[in-house]
Amino acid sequence: MTKRFIVMGLIAILLCIVLSGCNRMSNSYTTEKNKFVGTWVYQYPSGTGSNYSFTYTFFSNGTFRFNKAGLLSNGTYDIIDGDLFLSTITNGKQDSVDCTYAFSENNTTLTINGTPYNKQ
């Protein structure tokens, strides 16, 4: 009976070791995520001749701030399967948005869902 417990224990330990994943992030993931860090501005021309802007500020800790005509939103961002995921909490309700993105102009322009933002 004791041999059976020892064998079962060894099998359980081996299964835990085999099935545990590695928690390290790949260098390409980190490099891509670091491209976002900074302030990105889109100047939106209005019909009255004045301009206002949308601003994303991405931080290295995975958080962001979005300013749209004085309305601030804070949240977190991540890259999953080649898309940008933005999550915010507004009035106690979590909202997540799946966005397409692309960098251009030597990583000085970030296009999110078709809207170009220039790095400041």
N, C-alpha and C. Protein backbone atom coordinates (compact mmCIF):
# COMPACT_ATOMS: atom_id res chain seq x y z
N MET A 1 0.82 -1.19 0.00
CA MET A 1 0.00 0.00 0.00
C MET A 1 0.87 1.26 0.00
N THR A 2 1.96 1.25 0.76
CA THR A 2 2.86 2.40 0.83
C THR A 2 3.53 2.63 -0.51
N LYS A 3 3.90 1.54 -1.21
CA LYS A 3 4.51 1.69 -2.53
C LYS A 3 3.55 2.38 -3.49
N ARG A 4 2.28 2.06 -3.39
CA ARG A 4 1.28 2.63 -4.27
C ARG A 4 1.20 4.16 -4.05
N PHE A 5 1.22 4.60 -2.78
CA PHE A 5 1.18 6.04 -2.48
C PHE A 5 2.44 6.75 -2.98
N ILE A 6 3.57 6.11 -2.85
CA ILE A 6 4.82 6.70 -3.32
C ILE A 6 4.78 6.85 -4.84
N VAL A 7 4.35 5.82 -5.54
CA VAL A 7 4.27 5.86 -7.00
C VAL A 7 3.26 6.93 -7.44
N MET A 8 2.10 6.97 -6.80
CA MET A 8 1.07 7.97 -7.15
C MET A 8 1.60 9.39 -6.87
N GLY A 9 2.33 9.57 -5.78
CA GLY A 9 2.90 10.87 -5.45
C GLY A 9 3.92 11.31 -6.48
N LEU A 10 4.79 10.38 -6.90
CA LEU A 10 5.79 10.70 -7.93
C LEU A 10 5.12 11.05 -9.26
N ILE A 11 4.09 10.33 -9.61
CA ILE A 11 3.36 10.62 -10.85
C ILE A 11 2.72 12.00 -10.77
N ALA A 12 2.13 12.32 -9.62
CA ALA A 12 1.51 13.64 -9.45
C ALA A 12 2.54 14.75 -9.56
N ILE A 13 3.70 14.57 -8.96
CA ILE A 13 4.76 15.58 -9.03
C ILE A 13 5.24 15.75 -10.47
N LEU A 14 5.45 14.65 -11.16
CA LEU A 14 5.89 14.72 -12.56
C LEU A 14 4.85 15.41 -13.44
N LEU A 15 3.58 15.12 -13.23
CA LEU A 15 2.52 15.77 -14.00
C LEU A 15 2.50 17.28 -13.74
N CYS A 16 2.70 17.68 -12.50
CA CYS A 16 2.73 19.11 -12.17
C CYS A 16 3.89 19.80 -12.88
N ILE A 17 5.03 19.15 -12.90
CA ILE A 17 6.21 19.74 -13.56
C ILE A 17 5.99 19.83 -15.06
N VAL A 18 5.47 18.78 -15.67
CA VAL A 18 5.26 18.74 -17.11
C VAL A 18 4.19 19.74 -17.55
N LEU A 19 3.12 19.86 -16.78
CA LEU A 19 2.00 20.69 -17.19
C LEU A 19 2.13 22.16 -16.79
N SER A 20 3.11 22.49 -15.96
CA SER A 20 3.27 23.90 -15.58
C SER A 20 3.92 24.64 -16.74
N GLY A 21 3.40 25.82 -17.03
CA GLY A 21 3.92 26.61 -18.15
C GLY A 21 4.98 27.57 -17.69
N CYS A 22 5.66 28.10 -18.65
CA CYS A 22 6.67 29.11 -18.38
C CYS A 22 6.00 30.47 -18.40
N ASN A 23 6.30 31.32 -17.47
CA ASN A 23 5.66 32.62 -17.35
C ASN A 23 6.48 33.75 -17.97
N ARG A 24 7.47 33.44 -18.75
CA ARG A 24 8.31 34.47 -19.36
C ARG A 24 7.67 34.96 -20.65
N MET A 25 7.78 36.27 -20.89
CA MET A 25 7.24 36.86 -22.11
C MET A 25 8.33 36.85 -23.18
N SER A 26 7.90 36.69 -24.41
CA SER A 26 8.87 36.68 -25.49
C SER A 26 9.39 38.09 -25.74
N ASN A 27 10.59 38.18 -26.28
CA ASN A 27 11.19 39.48 -26.58
C ASN A 27 10.38 40.25 -27.61
N SER A 28 9.80 39.54 -28.59
CA SER A 28 9.04 40.24 -29.63
C SER A 28 7.78 40.87 -29.04
N TYR A 29 7.13 40.20 -28.08
CA TYR A 29 5.95 40.74 -27.42
C TYR A 29 6.32 42.02 -26.67
N THR A 30 7.40 41.98 -25.90
CA THR A 30 7.85 43.13 -25.12
C THR A 30 8.24 44.28 -26.03
N THR A 31 8.95 44.00 -27.10
CA THR A 31 9.36 45.04 -28.05
C THR A 31 8.14 45.69 -28.68
N GLU A 32 7.17 44.90 -29.10
CA GLU A 32 5.97 45.45 -29.73
C GLU A 32 5.17 46.30 -28.73
N LYS A 33 5.04 45.83 -27.52
CA LYS A 33 4.28 46.58 -26.52
C LYS A 33 4.98 47.89 -26.16
N ASN A 34 6.30 47.89 -26.14
CA ASN A 34 7.06 49.10 -25.83
C ASN A 34 6.92 50.18 -26.90
N LYS A 35 6.56 49.81 -28.12
CA LYS A 35 6.35 50.79 -29.18
C LYS A 35 5.21 51.75 -28.82
N PHE A 36 4.25 51.29 -28.03
CA PHE A 36 3.09 52.11 -27.69
C PHE A 36 3.42 53.20 -26.68
N VAL A 37 4.44 52.99 -25.86
CA VAL A 37 4.72 53.89 -24.73
C VAL A 37 4.98 55.31 -25.25
N GLY A 38 4.22 56.25 -24.70
CA GLY A 38 4.34 57.65 -25.09
C GLY A 38 2.97 58.26 -25.31
N THR A 39 2.96 59.50 -25.81
CA THR A 39 1.72 60.22 -26.07
C THR A 39 1.48 60.30 -27.57
N TRP A 40 0.28 59.96 -27.97
CA TRP A 40 -0.12 59.92 -29.38
C TRP A 40 -1.32 60.85 -29.56
N VAL A 41 -1.24 61.75 -30.55
CA VAL A 41 -2.26 62.77 -30.73
C VAL A 41 -2.85 62.70 -32.14
N TYR A 42 -4.17 62.85 -32.21
CA TYR A 42 -4.88 62.97 -33.49
C TYR A 42 -5.58 64.33 -33.49
N GLN A 43 -5.24 65.16 -34.45
CA GLN A 43 -5.90 66.47 -34.60
C GLN A 43 -7.14 66.27 -35.45
N TYR A 44 -8.29 66.57 -34.89
CA TYR A 44 -9.55 66.40 -35.60
C TYR A 44 -10.09 67.77 -35.99
N PRO A 45 -10.16 68.07 -37.29
CA PRO A 45 -10.68 69.38 -37.70
C PRO A 45 -12.20 69.42 -37.59
N SER A 46 -12.72 70.45 -36.98
CA SER A 46 -14.17 70.60 -36.91
C SER A 46 -14.64 71.50 -38.03
N GLY A 47 -15.91 71.55 -38.26
CA GLY A 47 -16.47 72.35 -39.34
C GLY A 47 -16.40 73.84 -39.11
N THR A 48 -16.13 74.29 -37.88
CA THR A 48 -16.11 75.72 -37.58
C THR A 48 -14.73 76.33 -37.75
N GLY A 49 -13.76 75.59 -38.20
CA GLY A 49 -12.43 76.12 -38.42
C GLY A 49 -11.49 75.92 -37.24
N SER A 50 -12.00 75.47 -36.11
CA SER A 50 -11.12 75.20 -34.96
C SER A 50 -10.83 73.70 -34.89
N ASN A 51 -9.78 73.36 -34.21
CA ASN A 51 -9.38 71.96 -34.10
C ASN A 51 -9.50 71.50 -32.65
N TYR A 52 -9.74 70.24 -32.46
CA TYR A 52 -9.58 69.63 -31.16
C TYR A 52 -8.88 68.31 -31.38
N SER A 53 -8.40 67.72 -30.31
CA SER A 53 -7.57 66.53 -30.50
C SER A 53 -8.03 65.38 -29.61
N PHE A 54 -7.72 64.17 -30.05
CA PHE A 54 -7.86 62.96 -29.25
C PHE A 54 -6.44 62.57 -28.86
N THR A 55 -6.22 62.22 -27.62
CA THR A 55 -4.88 61.89 -27.17
C THR A 55 -4.88 60.57 -26.40
N TYR A 56 -4.02 59.66 -26.82
CA TYR A 56 -3.73 58.44 -26.05
C TYR A 56 -2.37 58.63 -25.41
N THR A 57 -2.26 58.30 -24.14
CA THR A 57 -0.96 58.22 -23.48
C THR A 57 -0.82 56.81 -22.94
N PHE A 58 0.13 56.07 -23.48
CA PHE A 58 0.38 54.69 -23.06
C PHE A 58 1.59 54.67 -22.13
N PHE A 59 1.48 53.95 -21.03
CA PHE A 59 2.55 53.86 -20.05
C PHE A 59 3.17 52.47 -20.08
N SER A 60 4.41 52.36 -19.63
CA SER A 60 5.14 51.09 -19.69
C SER A 60 4.57 50.02 -18.75
N ASN A 61 3.75 50.40 -17.78
CA ASN A 61 3.17 49.41 -16.86
C ASN A 61 1.88 48.80 -17.40
N GLY A 62 1.53 49.07 -18.66
CA GLY A 62 0.35 48.47 -19.27
C GLY A 62 -0.93 49.25 -19.07
N THR A 63 -0.82 50.50 -18.60
CA THR A 63 -2.01 51.35 -18.45
C THR A 63 -1.99 52.43 -19.52
N PHE A 64 -3.16 53.05 -19.73
CA PHE A 64 -3.24 54.14 -20.70
C PHE A 64 -4.25 55.17 -20.21
N ARG A 65 -4.15 56.35 -20.81
CA ARG A 65 -5.12 57.42 -20.58
C ARG A 65 -5.57 57.92 -21.95
N PHE A 66 -6.88 58.11 -22.10
CA PHE A 66 -7.43 58.63 -23.35
C PHE A 66 -8.16 59.93 -23.04
N ASN A 67 -7.84 60.98 -23.79
CA ASN A 67 -8.46 62.28 -23.60
C ASN A 67 -9.16 62.65 -24.90
N LYS A 68 -10.47 62.76 -24.84
CA LYS A 68 -11.26 63.13 -26.01
C LYS A 68 -12.08 64.36 -25.65
N ALA A 69 -11.64 65.51 -26.14
CA ALA A 69 -12.33 66.77 -25.90
C ALA A 69 -12.60 67.00 -24.42
N GLY A 70 -11.60 66.72 -23.58
CA GLY A 70 -11.72 66.96 -22.15
C GLY A 70 -12.32 65.82 -21.35
N LEU A 71 -12.79 64.77 -22.00
CA LEU A 71 -13.33 63.60 -21.31
C LEU A 71 -12.23 62.57 -21.16
N LEU A 72 -11.81 62.32 -19.92
CA LEU A 72 -10.70 61.41 -19.66
C LEU A 72 -11.18 60.00 -19.39
N SER A 73 -10.46 59.03 -19.94
CA SER A 73 -10.69 57.62 -19.63
C SER A 73 -9.34 57.02 -19.27
N ASN A 74 -9.32 56.16 -18.28
CA ASN A 74 -8.12 55.44 -17.89
C ASN A 74 -8.40 53.95 -18.02
N GLY A 75 -7.35 53.19 -18.29
CA GLY A 75 -7.55 51.75 -18.39
C GLY A 75 -6.24 51.03 -18.58
N THR A 76 -6.36 49.80 -19.06
CA THR A 76 -5.19 48.97 -19.33
C THR A 76 -5.20 48.57 -20.80
N TYR A 77 -4.01 48.22 -21.30
CA TYR A 77 -3.91 47.78 -22.69
C TYR A 77 -3.03 46.54 -22.76
N ASP A 78 -3.27 45.75 -23.80
CA ASP A 78 -2.46 44.57 -24.04
C ASP A 78 -2.55 44.22 -25.52
N ILE A 79 -1.59 43.46 -25.98
CA ILE A 79 -1.59 42.97 -27.36
C ILE A 79 -1.90 41.48 -27.30
N ILE A 80 -2.98 41.08 -27.96
CA ILE A 80 -3.38 39.68 -27.97
C ILE A 80 -3.69 39.29 -29.41
N ASP A 81 -3.00 38.27 -29.90
CA ASP A 81 -3.19 37.77 -31.26
C ASP A 81 -3.11 38.88 -32.31
N GLY A 82 -2.17 39.82 -32.13
CA GLY A 82 -1.96 40.87 -33.12
C GLY A 82 -2.94 42.02 -33.06
N ASP A 83 -3.81 42.06 -32.06
CA ASP A 83 -4.75 43.17 -31.89
C ASP A 83 -4.45 43.89 -30.58
N LEU A 84 -4.86 45.14 -30.52
CA LEU A 84 -4.71 45.96 -29.33
C LEU A 84 -6.00 45.88 -28.54
N PHE A 85 -5.92 45.44 -27.29
CA PHE A 85 -7.09 45.36 -26.42
C PHE A 85 -7.02 46.47 -25.38
N LEU A 86 -8.05 47.31 -25.35
CA LEU A 86 -8.15 48.40 -24.39
C LEU A 86 -9.29 48.09 -23.44
N SER A 87 -9.01 48.15 -22.14
CA SER A 87 -10.03 47.90 -21.11
C SER A 87 -10.14 49.11 -20.20
N THR A 88 -11.37 49.58 -19.98
CA THR A 88 -11.62 50.69 -19.08
C THR A 88 -12.74 50.31 -18.11
N ILE A 89 -12.81 51.03 -17.01
CA ILE A 89 -13.91 50.88 -16.07
C ILE A 89 -14.58 52.25 -15.95
N THR A 90 -15.85 52.31 -16.35
CA THR A 90 -16.62 53.54 -16.31
C THR A 90 -17.87 53.30 -15.49
N ASN A 91 -18.07 54.10 -14.48
CA ASN A 91 -19.22 53.97 -13.59
C ASN A 91 -19.36 52.55 -13.05
N GLY A 92 -18.23 51.95 -12.71
CA GLY A 92 -18.24 50.60 -12.13
C GLY A 92 -18.42 49.48 -13.14
N LYS A 93 -18.50 49.81 -14.42
CA LYS A 93 -18.71 48.79 -15.46
C LYS A 93 -17.46 48.68 -16.32
N GLN A 94 -16.96 47.45 -16.49
CA GLN A 94 -15.77 47.24 -17.31
C GLN A 94 -16.16 47.15 -18.77
N ASP A 95 -15.39 47.83 -19.60
CA ASP A 95 -15.62 47.84 -21.04
C ASP A 95 -14.31 47.51 -21.73
N SER A 96 -14.35 46.59 -22.67
CA SER A 96 -13.15 46.21 -23.42
C SER A 96 -13.39 46.41 -24.91
N VAL A 97 -12.36 46.90 -25.59
CA VAL A 97 -12.44 47.15 -27.02
C VAL A 97 -11.28 46.44 -27.70
N ASP A 98 -11.59 45.71 -28.76
CA ASP A 98 -10.59 45.04 -29.58
C ASP A 98 -10.31 45.93 -30.79
N CYS A 99 -9.08 46.43 -30.90
CA CYS A 99 -8.72 47.39 -31.95
C CYS A 99 -7.66 46.81 -32.88
N THR A 100 -7.75 47.20 -34.15
CA THR A 100 -6.64 46.94 -35.06
C THR A 100 -5.66 48.08 -34.90
N TYR A 101 -4.40 47.80 -35.16
CA TYR A 101 -3.39 48.85 -35.07
C TYR A 101 -2.27 48.58 -36.05
N ALA A 102 -1.57 49.66 -36.39
CA ALA A 102 -0.38 49.54 -37.24
C ALA A 102 0.53 50.72 -36.96
N PHE A 103 1.81 50.47 -36.96
CA PHE A 103 2.82 51.51 -36.82
C PHE A 103 3.37 51.83 -38.20
N SER A 104 3.66 53.12 -38.45
CA SER A 104 4.28 53.52 -39.71
C SER A 104 5.15 54.75 -39.46
N GLU A 105 5.76 55.26 -40.53
CA GLU A 105 6.63 56.42 -40.44
C GLU A 105 7.70 56.24 -39.37
N ASN A 106 8.38 55.08 -39.42
CA ASN A 106 9.45 54.78 -38.46
C ASN A 106 8.94 54.82 -37.01
N ASN A 107 7.76 54.25 -36.81
CA ASN A 107 7.10 54.16 -35.50
C ASN A 107 6.73 55.51 -34.90
N THR A 108 6.53 56.54 -35.75
CA THR A 108 6.08 57.83 -35.25
C THR A 108 4.60 58.06 -35.51
N THR A 109 3.98 57.17 -36.26
CA THR A 109 2.54 57.22 -36.49
C THR A 109 1.94 55.88 -36.06
N LEU A 110 0.91 55.95 -35.25
CA LEU A 110 0.18 54.77 -34.79
C LEU A 110 -1.25 54.90 -35.28
N THR A 111 -1.70 53.95 -36.08
CA THR A 111 -3.07 53.96 -36.59
C THR A 111 -3.88 52.95 -35.78
N ILE A 112 -4.92 53.45 -35.11
CA ILE A 112 -5.81 52.60 -34.31
C ILE A 112 -7.18 52.65 -34.96
N ASN A 113 -7.66 51.49 -35.40
CA ASN A 113 -8.96 51.38 -36.08
C ASN A 113 -9.11 52.41 -37.19
N GLY A 114 -8.05 52.60 -37.96
CA GLY A 114 -8.10 53.50 -39.12
C GLY A 114 -7.81 54.96 -38.83
N THR A 115 -7.64 55.32 -37.56
CA THR A 115 -7.39 56.71 -37.19
C THR A 115 -5.90 56.90 -36.88
N PRO A 116 -5.21 57.80 -37.60
CA PRO A 116 -3.76 57.99 -37.37
C PRO A 116 -3.49 58.93 -36.19
N TYR A 117 -2.58 58.52 -35.33
CA TYR A 117 -2.13 59.32 -34.20
C TYR A 117 -0.62 59.54 -34.36
N ASN A 118 -0.18 60.76 -34.13
CA ASN A 118 1.25 61.08 -34.24
C ASN A 118 1.87 61.13 -32.86
N LYS A 119 3.08 60.58 -32.76
CA LYS A 119 3.79 60.54 -31.48
C LYS A 119 4.29 61.93 -31.13
N GLN A 120 4.10 62.31 -29.90
CA GLN A 120 4.55 63.63 -29.41
C GLN A 120 5.86 63.48 -28.68
